[in-house]
Amino acid sequence: MGVIRVEKEVPSAVAPSRLFKALNDTHNFLPKIAPQTIKSIDILQGDGGAGTIKLLNFADGGNYKQTKQRIDALDEDNLTMKYTTYEGDGILKMTDKSVYDVKIMDSGNGGSICKFVAEVHANDDKLVNEGHAKESEEKGSELFKLVEAYLLGNPNLYA
C-alpha cells in the first residue's frame, strides 16, 4: 500500500474566519450550489465537531455514488480542520482512506489563503496513482471556487 501526497494553496477573497465557518458547514449548502457534483450530505453521527461522520452522496452519472467523511479535528481558533474519507465505491474502493488537512490563513489583504494537504492511502499502487490524486485535487478546487463565489454573492452568510 502506498501513500500519494498532494499539497495546494488556494487564495480567496473571503475573510479567513468566514471561509472556515462555511467550509465546516458545507453539508447545509453544497448540494444546493453544486448539484451536478453533490446530491446530498447527511450527518450520520455527531454535531459537526470532531468525531462527526457524514455520508456524501454524489450526483448521478459520476465515477462514484457515495463515501463517508469523518471530522478528525476541528480548531476554530487556528482555523484548521482534518478529515478522513473512507468506505467509498467506484475509484474510491481502491483506497483505504484519504486524509485531508486544511488550514486557512490571513492573506493580509482582507482575504485568505487556504492550504490543503491530501494523503491518499492506496490499496494497490498500480490502481491508484498521482493522476487520480490530481483529478481529485482539481475537483476539490472547483468545489472550493463554487463555495467562494457563493460566499462573495451572499456577503451576510457566515459573517
Foldseek 3Di string as FASTA:
>chain_A
DDKDKDKDKDWALAALLLLLVCVLVCQVPLCPLCVQFWVHKAFPDDDSAAQTKIWTATHPPDQWGIWIKGWHHQDSVQSKTKMKIADTDGLRVQFRIKIKIWGWAGPPPNIIMIMIMIMTHGPDDVSDDVVNVVVVVVVVVVSSVSSRVVCVVVVVRSD
